[in-house]
PDB file of N, CA and C in Angstrom:
ATOM      1  N   MET A   1     155.948-133.684 -74.524  1.00  0.00           N
ATOM      2  CA  MET A   1     156.490-132.712 -73.588  1.00  0.00           C
ATOM      3  C   MET A   1     155.415-132.366 -72.554  1.00  0.00           C
ATOM      4  N   LEU A   2     155.824-132.379 -71.318  1.00  0.00           N
ATOM      5  CA  LEU A   2     154.951-132.024 -70.205  1.00  0.00           C
ATOM      6  C   LEU A   2     154.993-130.516 -69.994  1.00  0.00           C
ATOM      7  N   LYS A   3     153.844-129.928 -69.737  1.00  0.00           N
ATOM      8  CA  LYS A   3     153.777-128.489 -69.478  1.00  0.00           C
ATOM      9  C   LYS A   3     153.276-128.258 -68.056  1.00  0.00           C
ATOM     10  N   ILE A   4     153.899-127.273 -67.388  1.00  0.00           N
ATOM     11  CA  ILE A   4     153.522-126.927 -66.015  1.00  0.00           C
ATOM     12  C   ILE A   4     153.303-125.421 -65.952  1.00  0.00           C
ATOM     13  N   ARG A   5     152.188-125.031 -65.382  1.00  0.00           N
ATOM     14  CA  ARG A   5     151.937-123.598 -65.176  1.00  0.00           C
ATOM     15  C   ARG A   5     153.000-123.069 -64.212  1.00  0.00           C
ATOM     16  N   LYS A   6     153.515-121.884 -64.513  1.00  0.00           N
ATOM     17  CA  LYS A   6     154.598-121.287 -63.721  1.00  0.00           C
ATOM     18  C   LYS A   6     154.223-121.176 -62.244  1.00  0.00           C
ATOM     19  N   SER A   7     152.992-120.752 -61.963  1.00  0.00           N
ATOM     20  CA  SER A   7     152.560-120.597 -60.568  1.00  0.00           C
ATOM     21  C   SER A   7     152.545-121.934 -59.830  1.00  0.00           C
ATOM     22  N   ILE A   8     152.222-123.013 -60.538  1.00  0.00           N
ATOM     23  CA  ILE A   8     152.196-124.349 -59.935  1.00  0.00           C
ATOM     24  C   ILE A   8     153.625-124.830 -59.689  1.00  0.00           C
ATOM     25  N   HIS A   9     154.501-124.606 -60.653  1.00  0.00           N
ATOM     26  CA  HIS A   9     155.911-124.984 -60.498  1.00  0.00           C
ATOM     27  C   HIS A   9     156.497-124.295 -59.263  1.00  0.00           C
ATOM     28  N   GLU A  10     156.264-122.998 -59.138  1.00  0.00           N
ATOM     29  CA  GLU A  10     156.775-122.250 -57.988  1.00  0.00           C
ATOM     30  C   GLU A  10     156.163-122.754 -56.682  1.00  0.00           C
ATOM     31  N   SER A  11     154.875-123.050 -56.702  1.00  0.00           N
ATOM     32  CA  SER A  11     154.187-123.558 -55.514  1.00  0.00           C
ATOM     33  C   SER A  11     154.763-124.903 -55.068  1.00  0.00           C
ATOM     34  N   MET A  12     155.015-125.799 -56.019  1.00  0.00           N
ATOM     35  CA  MET A  12     155.580-127.116 -55.694  1.00  0.00           C
ATOM     36  C   MET A  12     156.960-126.969 -55.064  1.00  0.00           C
ATOM     37  N   VAL A  13     157.829-126.202 -55.709  1.00  0.00           N
ATOM     38  CA  VAL A  13     159.197-126.041 -55.217  1.00  0.00           C
ATOM     39  C   VAL A  13     159.203-125.380 -53.842  1.00  0.00           C
ATOM     40  N   ASN A  14     158.402-124.340 -53.669  1.00  0.00           N
ATOM     41  CA  ASN A  14     158.327-123.675 -52.362  1.00  0.00           C
ATOM     42  C   ASN A  14     157.852-124.630 -51.275  1.00  0.00           C
ATOM     43  N   TYR A  15     156.855-125.439 -51.580  1.00  0.00           N
ATOM     44  CA  TYR A  15     156.337-126.409 -50.620  1.00  0.00           C
ATOM     45  C   TYR A  15     157.422-127.444 -50.264  1.00  0.00           C
ATOM     46  N   LEU A  16     158.048-128.023 -51.276  1.00  0.00           N
ATOM     47  CA  LEU A  16     159.036-129.081 -51.040  1.00  0.00           C
ATOM     48  C   LEU A  16     160.269-128.558 -50.316  1.00  0.00           C
ATOM     49  N   ASP A  17     160.625-127.304 -50.539  1.00  0.00           N
ATOM     50  CA  ASP A  17     161.792-126.713 -49.870  1.00  0.00           C
ATOM     51  C   ASP A  17     161.563-126.484 -48.371  1.00  0.00           C
ATOM     52  N   ARG A  18     160.323-126.536 -47.919  1.00  0.00           N
ATOM     53  CA  ARG A  18     160.021-126.303 -46.498  1.00  0.00           C
ATOM     54  C   ARG A  18     160.431-127.469 -45.601  1.00  0.00           C
ATOM     55  N   PHE A  19     160.712-128.618 -46.186  1.00  0.00           N
ATOM     56  CA  PHE A  19     160.970-129.826 -45.408  1.00  0.00           C
ATOM     57  C   PHE A  19     162.425-130.262 -45.544  1.00  0.00           C
ATOM     58  N   ASP A  20     162.973-130.840 -44.472  1.00  0.00           N
ATOM     59  CA  ASP A  20     164.330-131.363 -44.547  1.00  0.00           C
ATOM     60  C   ASP A  20     164.324-132.874 -44.811  1.00  0.00           C
ATOM     61  N   TYR A  21     163.203-133.388 -45.249  1.00  0.00           N
ATOM     62  CA  TYR A  21     163.045-134.788 -45.627  1.00  0.00           C
ATOM     63  C   TYR A  21     162.247-134.847 -46.928  1.00  0.00           C
ATOM     64  N   GLU A  22     162.109-136.050 -47.485  1.00  0.00           N
ATOM     65  CA  GLU A  22     161.369-136.196 -48.734  1.00  0.00           C
ATOM     66  C   GLU A  22     159.892-135.906 -48.503  1.00  0.00           C
ATOM     67  N   GLU A  23     159.317-135.181 -49.423  1.00  0.00           N
ATOM     68  CA  GLU A  23     157.893-134.818 -49.366  1.00  0.00           C
ATOM     69  C   GLU A  23     157.388-134.789 -50.797  1.00  0.00           C
ATOM     70  N   GLY A  24     156.085-134.709 -50.990  1.00  0.00           N
ATOM     71  CA  GLY A  24     155.568-134.732 -52.354  1.00  0.00           C
ATOM     72  C   GLY A  24     154.085-134.466 -52.450  1.00  0.00           C
ATOM     73  N   GLY A  25     153.522-134.889 -53.572  1.00  0.00           N
ATOM     74  CA  GLY A  25     152.108-134.668 -53.788  1.00  0.00           C
ATOM     75  C   GLY A  25     151.644-135.195 -55.139  1.00  0.00           C
ATOM     76  N   VAL A  26     150.409-134.846 -55.457  1.00  0.00           N
ATOM     77  CA  VAL A  26     149.747-135.310 -56.672  1.00  0.00           C
ATOM     78  C   VAL A  26     149.661-134.153 -57.659  1.00  0.00           C
ATOM     79  N   LEU A  27     149.799-134.470 -58.942  1.00  0.00           N
ATOM     80  CA  LEU A  27     149.736-133.488 -60.013  1.00  0.00           C
ATOM     81  C   LEU A  27     148.458-133.680 -60.810  1.00  0.00           C
ATOM     82  N   LEU A  28     147.667-132.613 -60.901  1.00  0.00           N
ATOM     83  CA  LEU A  28     146.417-132.667 -61.646  1.00  0.00           C
ATOM     84  C   LEU A  28     146.496-131.762 -62.866  1.00  0.00           C
ATOM     85  N   GLY A  29     145.722-132.096 -63.887  1.00  0.00           N
ATOM     86  CA  GLY A  29     145.668-131.260 -65.076  1.00  0.00           C
ATOM     87  C   GLY A  29     144.909-131.949 -66.189  1.00  0.00           C
ATOM     88  N   GLU A  30     145.048-131.370 -67.380  1.00  0.00           N
ATOM     89  CA  GLU A  30     144.390-131.907 -68.573  1.00  0.00           C
ATOM     90  C   GLU A  30     145.305-131.711 -69.770  1.00  0.00           C
ATOM     91  N   ASP A  31     145.218-132.623 -70.726  1.00  0.00           N
ATOM     92  CA  ASP A  31     145.951-132.516 -71.983  1.00  0.00           C
ATOM     93  C   ASP A  31     147.446-132.289 -71.788  1.00  0.00           C
ATOM     94  N   GLY A  32     148.032-132.931 -70.790  1.00  0.00           N
ATOM     95  CA  GLY A  32     149.455-132.820 -70.560  1.00  0.00           C
ATOM     96  C   GLY A  32     149.918-131.522 -69.930  1.00  0.00           C
ATOM     97  N   VAL A  33     148.973-130.739 -69.390  1.00  0.00           N
ATOM     98  CA  VAL A  33     149.309-129.477 -68.724  1.00  0.00           C
ATOM     99  C   VAL A  33     148.967-129.598 -67.239  1.00  0.00           C
ATOM    100  N   ILE A  34     149.983-129.522 -66.383  1.00  0.00           N
ATOM    101  CA  ILE A  34     149.758-129.568 -64.939  1.00  0.00           C
ATOM    102  C   ILE A  34     149.276-128.202 -64.487  1.00  0.00           C
ATOM    103  N   ASP A  35     148.075-128.186 -63.901  1.00  0.00           N
ATOM    104  CA  ASP A  35     147.506-126.913 -63.446  1.00  0.00           C
ATOM    105  C   ASP A  35     147.122-126.924 -61.966  1.00  0.00           C
ATOM    106  N   GLU A  36     147.468-128.027 -61.279  1.00  0.00           N
ATOM    107  CA  GLU A  36     147.176-128.087 -59.844  1.00  0.00           C
ATOM    108  C   GLU A  36     148.129-129.062 -59.166  1.00  0.00           C
ATOM    109  N   PHE A  37     148.571-128.675 -57.986  1.00  0.00           N
ATOM    110  CA  PHE A  37     149.438-129.502 -57.146  1.00  0.00           C
ATOM    111  C   PHE A  37     148.750-129.673 -55.799  1.00  0.00           C
ATOM    112  N   ILE A  38     148.588-130.930 -55.374  1.00  0.00           N
ATOM    113  CA  ILE A  38     147.983-131.222 -54.079  1.00  0.00           C
ATOM    114  C   ILE A  38     149.037-131.895 -53.200  1.00  0.00           C
ATOM    115  N   PRO A  39     149.522-131.209 -52.156  1.00  0.00           N
ATOM    116  CA  PRO A  39     150.500-131.810 -51.249  1.00  0.00           C
ATOM    117  C   PRO A  39     149.917-133.035 -50.550  1.00  0.00           C
ATOM    118  N   MET A  40     150.773-134.021 -50.323  1.00  0.00           N
ATOM    119  CA  MET A  40     150.373-135.249 -49.638  1.00  0.00           C
ATOM    120  C   MET A  40     151.376-135.543 -48.530  1.00  0.00           C
ATOM    121  N   THR A  41     150.870-136.000 -47.396  1.00  0.00           N
ATOM    122  CA  THR A  41     151.700-136.314 -46.242  1.00  0.00           C
ATOM    123  C   THR A  41     152.592-137.523 -46.499  1.00  0.00           C
ATOM    124  N   ASN A  42     153.853-137.425 -46.110  1.00  0.00           N
ATOM    125  CA  ASN A  42     154.791-138.535 -46.181  1.00  0.00           C
ATOM    126  C   ASN A  42     154.663-139.353 -44.895  1.00  0.00           C
ATOM    127  N   VAL A  43     154.235-140.606 -45.026  1.00  0.00           N
ATOM    128  CA  VAL A  43     154.058-141.465 -43.853  1.00  0.00           C
ATOM    129  C   VAL A  43     155.182-142.499 -43.713  1.00  0.00           C
ATOM    130  N   SER A  44     156.231-142.355 -44.492  1.00  0.00           N
ATOM    131  CA  SER A  44     157.356-143.287 -44.415  1.00  0.00           C
ATOM    132  C   SER A  44     158.045-143.178 -43.057  1.00  0.00           C
ATOM    133  N   SER A  45     158.519-144.302 -42.566  1.00  0.00           N
ATOM    134  CA  SER A  45     159.306-144.289 -41.327  1.00  0.00           C
ATOM    135  C   SER A  45     160.756-143.877 -41.612  1.00  0.00           C
ATOM    136  N   MET A  46     161.095-143.756 -42.902  1.00  0.00           N
ATOM    137  CA  MET A  46     162.442-143.343 -43.324  1.00  0.00           C
ATOM    138  C   MET A  46     162.332-142.102 -44.218  1.00  0.00           C
ATOM    139  N   LYS A  47     161.736-141.051 -43.692  1.00  0.00           N
ATOM    140  CA  LYS A  47     161.414-139.860 -44.489  1.00  0.00           C
ATOM    141  C   LYS A  47     162.621-139.204 -45.150  1.00  0.00           C
ATOM    142  N   GLN A  48     163.806-139.376 -44.596  1.00  0.00           N
ATOM    143  CA  GLN A  48     164.999-138.762 -45.191  1.00  0.00           C
ATOM    144  C   GLN A  48     165.308-139.332 -46.568  1.00  0.00           C
ATOM    145  N   SER A  49     164.889-140.573 -46.802  1.00  0.00           N
ATOM    146  CA  SER A  49     165.264-141.221 -48.061  1.00  0.00           C
ATOM    147  C   SER A  49     164.114-141.913 -48.783  1.00  0.00           C
ATOM    148  N   LEU A  50     162.886-141.781 -48.267  1.00  0.00           N
ATOM    149  CA  LEU A  50     161.761-142.470 -48.891  1.00  0.00           C
ATOM    150  C   LEU A  50     160.484-141.655 -48.739  1.00  0.00           C
ATOM    151  N   TYR A  51     159.772-141.489 -49.848  1.00  0.00           N
ATOM    152  CA  TYR A  51     158.483-140.796 -49.819  1.00  0.00           C
ATOM    153  C   TYR A  51     157.376-141.816 -50.017  1.00  0.00           C
ATOM    154  N   LYS A  52     156.421-141.827 -49.092  1.00  0.00           N
ATOM    155  CA  LYS A  52     155.273-142.732 -49.169  1.00  0.00           C
ATOM    156  C   LYS A  52     154.025-141.926 -48.835  1.00  0.00           C
ATOM    157  N   MET A  53     153.107-141.845 -49.799  1.00  0.00           N
ATOM    158  CA  MET A  53     151.874-141.077 -49.592  1.00  0.00           C
ATOM    159  C   MET A  53     150.987-141.719 -48.538  1.00  0.00           C
ATOM    160  N   GLU A  54     150.294-140.877 -47.799  1.00  0.00           N
ATOM    161  CA  GLU A  54     149.324-141.347 -46.814  1.00  0.00           C
ATOM    162  C   GLU A  54     148.153-141.964 -47.591  1.00  0.00           C
ATOM    163  N   PRO A  55     147.859-143.257 -47.384  1.00  0.00           N
ATOM    164  CA  PRO A  55     146.860-143.956 -48.194  1.00  0.00           C
ATOM    165  C   PRO A  55     145.454-143.331 -48.173  1.00  0.00           C
ATOM    166  N   GLY A  56     145.007-142.862 -47.010  1.00  0.00           N
ATOM    167  CA  GLY A  56     143.675-142.255 -46.928  1.00  0.00           C
ATOM    168  C   GLY A  56     143.573-140.971 -47.747  1.00  0.00           C
ATOM    169  N   GLU A  57     144.623-140.148 -47.682  1.00  0.00           N
ATOM    170  CA  GLU A  57     144.661-138.921 -48.488  1.00  0.00           C
ATOM    171  C   GLU A  57     144.637-139.272 -49.973  1.00  0.00           C
ATOM    172  N   TRP A  58     145.463-140.260 -50.348  1.00  0.00           N
ATOM    173  CA  TRP A  58     145.537-140.672 -51.745  1.00  0.00           C
ATOM    174  C   TRP A  58     144.172-141.144 -52.244  1.00  0.00           C
ATOM    175  N   LEU A  59     143.481-141.946 -51.452  1.00  0.00           N
ATOM    176  CA  LEU A  59     142.175-142.468 -51.860  1.00  0.00           C
ATOM    177  C   LEU A  59     141.170-141.333 -52.067  1.00  0.00           C
ATOM    178  N   GLN A  60     141.167-140.342 -51.173  1.00  0.00           N
ATOM    179  CA  GLN A  60     140.272-139.188 -51.334  1.00  0.00           C
ATOM    180  C   GLN A  60     140.578-138.426 -52.613  1.00  0.00           C
ATOM    181  N   ILE A  61     141.849-138.164 -52.861  1.00  0.00           N
ATOM    182  CA  ILE A  61     142.250-137.438 -54.068  1.00  0.00           C
ATOM    183  C   ILE A  61     141.871-138.239 -55.308  1.00  0.00           C
ATOM    184  N   PHE A  62     142.139-139.537 -55.283  1.00  0.00           N
ATOM    185  CA  PHE A  62     141.840-140.379 -56.432  1.00  0.00           C
ATOM    186  C   PHE A  62     140.338-140.397 -56.739  1.00  0.00           C
ATOM    187  N   LYS A  63     139.513-140.575 -55.720  1.00  0.00           N
ATOM    188  CA  LYS A  63     138.063-140.628 -55.934  1.00  0.00           C
ATOM    189  C   LYS A  63     137.527-139.317 -56.509  1.00  0.00           C
ATOM    190  N   LYS A  64     138.065-138.225 -56.029  1.00  0.00           N
ATOM    191  CA  LYS A  64     137.575-136.905 -56.420  1.00  0.00           C
ATOM    192  C   LYS A  64     138.135-136.431 -57.770  1.00  0.00           C
ATOM    193  N   ASN A  65     139.335-136.898 -58.127  1.00  0.00           N
ATOM    194  CA  ASN A  65     140.037-136.336 -59.284  1.00  0.00           C
ATOM    195  C   ASN A  65     140.595-137.363 -60.262  1.00  0.00           C
ATOM    196  N   LYS A  66     140.086-138.589 -60.271  1.00  0.00           N
ATOM    197  CA  LYS A  66     140.745-139.650 -61.041  1.00  0.00           C
ATOM    198  C   LYS A  66     140.927-139.319 -62.519  1.00  0.00           C
ATOM    199  N   ASP A  67     140.039-138.522 -63.090  1.00  0.00           N
ATOM    200  CA  ASP A  67     140.166-138.171 -64.507  1.00  0.00           C
ATOM    201  C   ASP A  67     141.168-137.049 -64.759  1.00  0.00           C
ATOM    202  N   ARG A  68     141.643-136.393 -63.689  1.00  0.00           N
ATOM    203  CA  ARG A  68     142.588-135.275 -63.838  1.00  0.00           C
ATOM    204  C   ARG A  68     143.989-135.586 -63.310  1.00  0.00           C
ATOM    205  N   ILE A  69     144.189-136.761 -62.760  1.00  0.00           N
ATOM    206  CA  ILE A  69     145.506-137.102 -62.210  1.00  0.00           C
ATOM    207  C   ILE A  69     146.474-137.379 -63.359  1.00  0.00           C
ATOM    208  N   LEU A  70     147.538-136.577 -63.401  1.00  0.00           N
ATOM    209  CA  LEU A  70     148.573-136.767 -64.422  1.00  0.00           C
ATOM    210  C   LEU A  70     149.792-137.488 -63.861  1.00  0.00           C
ATOM    211  N   GLY A  71     149.973-137.432 -62.540  1.00  0.00           N
ATOM    212  CA  GLY A  71     151.126-138.090 -61.937  1.00  0.00           C
ATOM    213  C   GLY A  71     151.396-137.592 -60.536  1.00  0.00           C
ATOM    214  N   THR A  72     152.659-137.751 -60.126  1.00  0.00           N
ATOM    215  CA  THR A  72     153.064-137.374 -58.776  1.00  0.00           C
ATOM    216  C   THR A  72     154.400-136.626 -58.821  1.00  0.00           C
ATOM    217  N   ILE A  73     154.716-135.988 -57.712  1.00  0.00           N
ATOM    218  CA  ILE A  73     156.024-135.366 -57.522  1.00  0.00           C
ATOM    219  C   ILE A  73     156.508-135.716 -56.134  1.00  0.00           C
ATOM    220  N   HIS A  74     157.806-135.883 -56.005  1.00  0.00           N
ATOM    221  CA  HIS A  74     158.407-135.992 -54.675  1.00  0.00           C
ATOM    222  C   HIS A  74     159.825-135.440 -54.736  1.00  0.00           C
ATOM    223  N   SER A  75     160.336-135.115 -53.580  1.00  0.00           N
ATOM    224  CA  SER A  75     161.674-134.526 -53.511  1.00  0.00           C
ATOM    225  C   SER A  75     162.704-135.576 -53.125  1.00  0.00           C
ATOM    226  N   HIS A  76     163.930-135.292 -53.519  1.00  0.00           N
ATOM    227  CA  HIS A  76     165.094-136.024 -53.041  1.00  0.00           C
ATOM    228  C   HIS A  76     165.917-135.029 -52.252  1.00  0.00           C
ATOM    229  N   THR A  77     166.263-135.377 -51.032  1.00  0.00           N
ATOM    230  CA  THR A  77     166.962-134.420 -50.171  1.00  0.00           C
ATOM    231  C   THR A  77     168.452-134.304 -50.479  1.00  0.00           C
ATOM    232  N   VAL A  78     169.099-135.406 -50.757  1.00  0.00           N
ATOM    233  CA  VAL A  78     170.536-135.361 -51.029  1.00  0.00           C
ATOM    234  C   VAL A  78     170.913-136.011 -52.354  1.00  0.00           C
ATOM    235  N   LYS A  79     169.955-136.669 -52.986  1.00  0.00           N
ATOM    236  CA  LYS A  79     170.234-137.330 -54.261  1.00  0.00           C
ATOM    237  C   LYS A  79     169.871-136.401 -55.419  1.00  0.00           C
ATOM    238  N   LEU A  80     170.378-136.742 -56.579  1.00  0.00           N
ATOM    239  CA  LEU A  80     170.027-135.998 -57.778  1.00  0.00           C
ATOM    240  C   LEU A  80     168.583-136.281 -58.179  1.00  0.00           C
ATOM    241  N   ALA A  81     168.064-135.493 -59.085  1.00  0.00           N
ATOM    242  CA  ALA A  81     166.683-135.646 -59.539  1.00  0.00           C
ATOM    243  C   ALA A  81     166.596-136.726 -60.613  1.00  0.00           C
ATOM    244  N   THR A  82     166.938-137.943 -60.214  1.00  0.00           N
ATOM    245  CA  THR A  82     166.774-139.108 -61.078  1.00  0.00           C
ATOM    246  C   THR A  82     166.113-140.206 -60.257  1.00  0.00           C
ATOM    247  N   PRO A  83     165.357-141.078 -60.904  1.00  0.00           N
ATOM    248  CA  PRO A  83     164.663-142.129 -60.152  1.00  0.00           C
ATOM    249  C   PRO A  83     165.627-143.091 -59.466  1.00  0.00           C
ATOM    250  N   SER A  84     165.336-143.362 -58.204  1.00  0.00           N
ATOM    251  CA  SER A  84     166.091-144.364 -57.464  1.00  0.00           C
ATOM    252  C   SER A  84     165.525-145.753 -57.800  1.00  0.00           C
ATOM    253  N   LYS A  85     166.194-146.798 -57.330  1.00  0.00           N
ATOM    254  CA  LYS A  85     165.663-148.149 -57.529  1.00  0.00           C
ATOM    255  C   LYS A  85     164.283-148.287 -56.897  1.00  0.00           C
ATOM    256  N   THR A  86     164.094-147.652 -55.742  1.00  0.00           N
ATOM    257  CA  THR A  86     162.795-147.687 -55.072  1.00  0.00           C
ATOM    258  C   THR A  86     161.741-146.971 -55.902  1.00  0.00           C
ATOM    259  N   ASP A  87     162.101-145.827 -56.483  1.00  0.00           N
ATOM    260  CA  ASP A  87     161.160-145.107 -57.345  1.00  0.00           C
ATOM    261  C   ASP A  87     160.717-145.987 -58.509  1.00  0.00           C
ATOM    262  N   VAL A  88     161.664-146.643 -59.144  1.00  0.00           N
ATOM    263  CA  VAL A  88     161.348-147.475 -60.307  1.00  0.00           C
ATOM    264  C   VAL A  88     160.441-148.635 -59.915  1.00  0.00           C
ATOM    265  N   SER A  89     160.659-149.226 -58.738  1.00  0.00           N
ATOM    266  CA  SER A  89     159.845-150.374 -58.336  1.00  0.00           C
ATOM    267  C   SER A  89     158.487-149.976 -57.772  1.00  0.00           C
ATOM    268  N   ASN A  90     158.343-148.728 -57.276  1.00  0.00           N
ATOM    269  CA  ASN A  90     157.087-148.336 -56.625  1.00  0.00           C
ATOM    270  C   ASN A  90     156.199-147.405 -57.436  1.00  0.00           C
ATOM    271  N   LEU A  91     156.773-146.659 -58.364  1.00  0.00           N
ATOM    272  CA  LEU A  91     155.996-145.652 -59.094  1.00  0.00           C
ATOM    273  C   LEU A  91     155.686-146.142 -60.499  1.00  0.00           C
ATOM    274  N   CYS A  92     154.426-146.066 -60.877  1.00  0.00           N
ATOM    275  CA  CYS A  92     154.076-146.546 -62.216  1.00  0.00           C
ATOM    276  C   CYS A  92     152.911-145.781 -62.823  1.00  0.00           C
ATOM    277  N   MET A  93     152.422-144.727 -62.177  1.00  0.00           N
ATOM    278  CA  MET A  93     151.244-144.044 -62.669  1.00  0.00           C
ATOM    279  C   MET A  93     151.596-142.724 -63.335  1.00  0.00           C
ATOM    280  N   GLY A  94     151.352-142.632 -64.607  1.00  0.00           N
ATOM    281  CA  GLY A  94     151.549-141.366 -65.297  1.00  0.00           C
ATOM    282  C   GLY A  94     152.978-140.884 -65.236  1.00  0.00           C
ATOM    283  N   ILE A  95     153.101-139.607 -65.038  1.00  0.00           N
ATOM    284  CA  ILE A  95     154.404-138.950 -65.012  1.00  0.00           C
ATOM    285  C   ILE A  95     154.885-138.836 -63.565  1.00  0.00           C
ATOM    286  N   THR A  96     156.169-138.921 -63.367  1.00  0.00           N
ATOM    287  CA  THR A  96     156.755-138.719 -62.048  1.00  0.00           C
ATOM    288  C   THR A  96     157.722-137.553 -62.133  1.00  0.00           C
ATOM    289  N   LEU A  97     157.474-136.530 -61.335  1.00  0.00           N
ATOM    290  CA  LEU A  97     158.415-135.430 -61.229  1.00  0.00           C
ATOM    291  C   LEU A  97     159.257-135.663 -59.984  1.00  0.00           C
ATOM    292  N   ILE A  98     160.548-135.402 -60.111  1.00  0.00           N
ATOM    293  CA  ILE A  98     161.452-135.497 -58.968  1.00  0.00           C
ATOM    294  C   ILE A  98     162.159-134.160 -58.831  1.00  0.00           C
ATOM    295  N   TYR A  99     162.108-133.620 -57.626  1.00  0.00           N
ATOM    296  CA  TYR A  99     162.755-132.347 -57.327  1.00  0.00           C
ATOM    297  C   TYR A  99     163.967-132.619 -56.457  1.00  0.00           C
ATOM    298  N   SER A 100     165.138-132.247 -56.938  1.00  0.00           N
ATOM    299  CA  SER A 100     166.357-132.406 -56.160  1.00  0.00           C
ATOM    300  C   SER A 100     166.623-131.131 -55.378  1.00  0.00           C
ATOM    301  N   LYS A 101     166.623-131.243 -54.061  1.00  0.00           N
ATOM    302  CA  LYS A 101     166.955-130.092 -53.226  1.00  0.00           C
ATOM    303  C   LYS A 101     168.431-129.743 -53.358  1.00  0.00           C
ATOM    304  N   GLN A 102     169.221-130.725 -53.723  1.00  0.00           N
ATOM    305  CA  GLN A 102     170.661-130.530 -53.870  1.00  0.00           C
ATOM    306  C   GLN A 102     170.975-129.572 -55.018  1.00  0.00           C
ATOM    307  N   ASP A 103     170.351-129.790 -56.178  1.00  0.00           N
ATOM    308  CA  ASP A 103     170.660-128.923 -57.320  1.00  0.00           C
ATOM    309  C   ASP A 103     169.486-128.042 -57.750  1.00  0.00           C
ATOM    310  N   LYS A 104     168.406-128.026 -56.940  1.00  0.00           N
ATOM    311  CA  LYS A 104     167.246-127.147 -57.177  1.00  0.00           C
ATOM    312  C   LYS A 104     166.673-127.334 -58.580  1.00  0.00           C
ATOM    313  N   LEU A 105     166.469-128.590 -58.967  1.00  0.00           N
ATOM    314  CA  LEU A 105     166.029-128.926 -60.305  1.00  0.00           C
ATOM    315  C   LEU A 105     164.846-129.886 -60.260  1.00  0.00           C
ATOM    316  N   VAL A 106     163.832-129.619 -61.094  1.00  0.00           N
ATOM    317  CA  VAL A 106     162.700-130.530 -61.255  1.00  0.00           C
ATOM    318  C   VAL A 106     162.861-131.221 -62.601  1.00  0.00           C
ATOM    319  N   ARG A 107     162.784-132.554 -62.581  1.00  0.00           N
ATOM    320  CA  ARG A 107     162.858-133.327 -63.813  1.00  0.00           C
ATOM    321  C   ARG A 107     161.660-134.261 -63.888  1.00  0.00           C
ATOM    322  N   ALA A 108     161.237-134.574 -65.114  1.00  0.00           N
ATOM    323  CA  ALA A 108     160.066-135.425 -65.343  1.00  0.00           C
ATOM    324  C   ALA A 108     160.496-136.775 -65.908  1.00  0.00           C
ATOM    325  N   PHE A 109     159.831-137.828 -65.431  1.00  0.00           N
ATOM    326  CA  PHE A 109     160.137-139.179 -65.876  1.00  0.00           C
ATOM    327  C   PHE A 109     158.863-139.976 -66.091  1.00  0.00           C
ATOM    328  N   LYS A 110     158.930-140.888 -67.041  1.00  0.00           N
ATOM    329  CA  LYS A 110     157.904-141.913 -67.193  1.00  0.00           C
ATOM    330  C   LYS A 110     158.589-143.203 -66.787  1.00  0.00           C
ATOM    331  N   ILE A 111     157.975-143.890 -65.843  1.00  0.00           N
ATOM    332  CA  ILE A 111     158.592-145.092 -65.273  1.00  0.00           C
ATOM    333  C   ILE A 111     157.785-146.319 -65.676  1.00  0.00           C
ATOM    334  N   ASN A 112     158.475-147.321 -66.224  1.00  0.00           N
ATOM    335  CA  ASN A 112     157.868-148.613 -66.525  1.00  0.00           C
ATOM    336  C   ASN A 112     158.133-149.495 -65.318  1.00  0.00           C
ATOM    337  N   ARG A 113     157.097-149.805 -64.574  1.00  0.00           N
ATOM    338  CA  ARG A 113     157.222-150.481 -63.282  1.00  0.00           C
ATOM    339  C   ARG A 113     158.225-151.638 -63.304  1.00  0.00           C
ATOM    340  N   ASN A 114     159.149-151.561 -62.358  1.00  0.00           N
ATOM    341  CA  ASN A 114     160.167-152.589 -62.130  1.00  0.00           C
ATOM    342  C   ASN A 114     161.113-152.814 -63.311  1.00  0.00           C
ATOM    343  N   ILE A 115     161.056-151.949 -64.310  1.00  0.00           N
ATOM    344  CA  ILE A 115     161.891-152.206 -65.482  1.00  0.00           C
ATOM    345  C   ILE A 115     162.844-151.047 -65.754  1.00  0.00           C
ATOM    346  N   SER A 116     162.285-149.920 -66.131  1.00  0.00           N
ATOM    347  CA  SER A 116     163.138-148.829 -66.590  1.00  0.00           C
ATOM    348  C   SER A 116     162.409-147.494 -66.498  1.00  0.00           C
ATOM    349  N   TRP A 117     163.085-146.443 -66.916  1.00  0.00           N
ATOM    350  CA  TRP A 117     162.493-145.117 -66.943  1.00  0.00           C
ATOM    351  C   TRP A 117     163.124-144.321 -68.081  1.00  0.00           C
ATOM    352  N   PHE A 118     162.390-143.301 -68.520  1.00  0.00           N
ATOM    353  CA  PHE A 118     162.986-142.363 -69.463  1.00  0.00           C
ATOM    354  C   PHE A 118     162.523-140.967 -69.112  1.00  0.00           C
ATOM    355  N   GLU A 119     163.384-140.011 -69.425  1.00  0.00           N
ATOM    356  CA  GLU A 119     163.107-138.625 -69.067  1.00  0.00           C
ATOM    357  C   GLU A 119     162.223-137.971 -70.114  1.00  0.00           C
ATOM    358  N   ASP A 120     161.347-137.095 -69.645  1.00  0.00           N
ATOM    359  CA  ASP A 120     160.470-136.310 -70.500  1.00  0.00           C
ATOM    360  C   ASP A 120     160.836-134.843 -70.314  1.00  0.00           C
ATOM    361  N   ASP A 121     160.658-134.043 -71.341  1.00  0.00           N
ATOM    362  CA  ASP A 121     160.937-132.610 -71.238  1.00  0.00           C
ATOM    363  C   ASP A 121     159.829-131.892 -70.491  1.00  0.00           C
ATOM    364  N   ILE A 122     160.202-130.795 -69.830  1.00  0.00           N
ATOM    365  CA  ILE A 122     159.246-129.954 -69.116  1.00  0.00           C
ATOM    366  C   ILE A 122     159.300-128.554 -69.707  1.00  0.00           C
ATOM    367  N   GLU A 123     158.127-128.006 -69.947  1.00  0.00           N
ATOM    368  CA  GLU A 123     158.030-126.606 -70.373  1.00  0.00           C
ATOM    369  C   GLU A 123     157.206-125.854 -69.329  1.00  0.00           C
ATOM    370  N   ILE A 124     157.754-124.748 -68.836  1.00  0.00           N
ATOM    371  CA  ILE A 124     157.048-123.901 -67.882  1.00  0.00           C
ATOM    372  C   ILE A 124     156.253-122.875 -68.683  1.00  0.00           C
ATOM    373  N   ILE A 125     154.941-122.835 -68.450  1.00  0.00           N
ATOM    374  CA  ILE A 125     154.069-121.908 -69.188  1.00  0.00           C
ATOM    375  C   ILE A 125     153.357-120.970 -68.228  1.00  0.00           C
ATOM    376  N   LYS A 126     152.759-119.914 -68.774  1.00  0.00           N
ATOM    377  CA  LYS A 126     152.048-118.933 -67.929  1.00  0.00           C
ATOM    378  C   LYS A 126     150.829-119.508 -67.276  1.00  0.00           C
TER     379      LYS A 126
END
């Protein structure tokens, strides 16, 4: 089970709700507890339906925090909070959180690159 600090959960949702296109970021923490969210710029040319992290930002975050990276989060603007075919083929690191703006729900997934995914439970903690 993945655990997220309540303040981080609120910060992520508030940040993602500010945009009318897909947006996201990196999740940092230890021992399966997310305690930091770092927003990342979406550089996709199709921002309404695709989230792509800015490579330079990602490299800086990775170099500075590689031992604390637990995964990523991105929003879906009109789709449900389930991995799309693109998510399954592109995401493979740690946990992936997807926030659906449509139903205001954050769900966690572990994705096996190009193969499949399964949902993980989320617990919001203080």
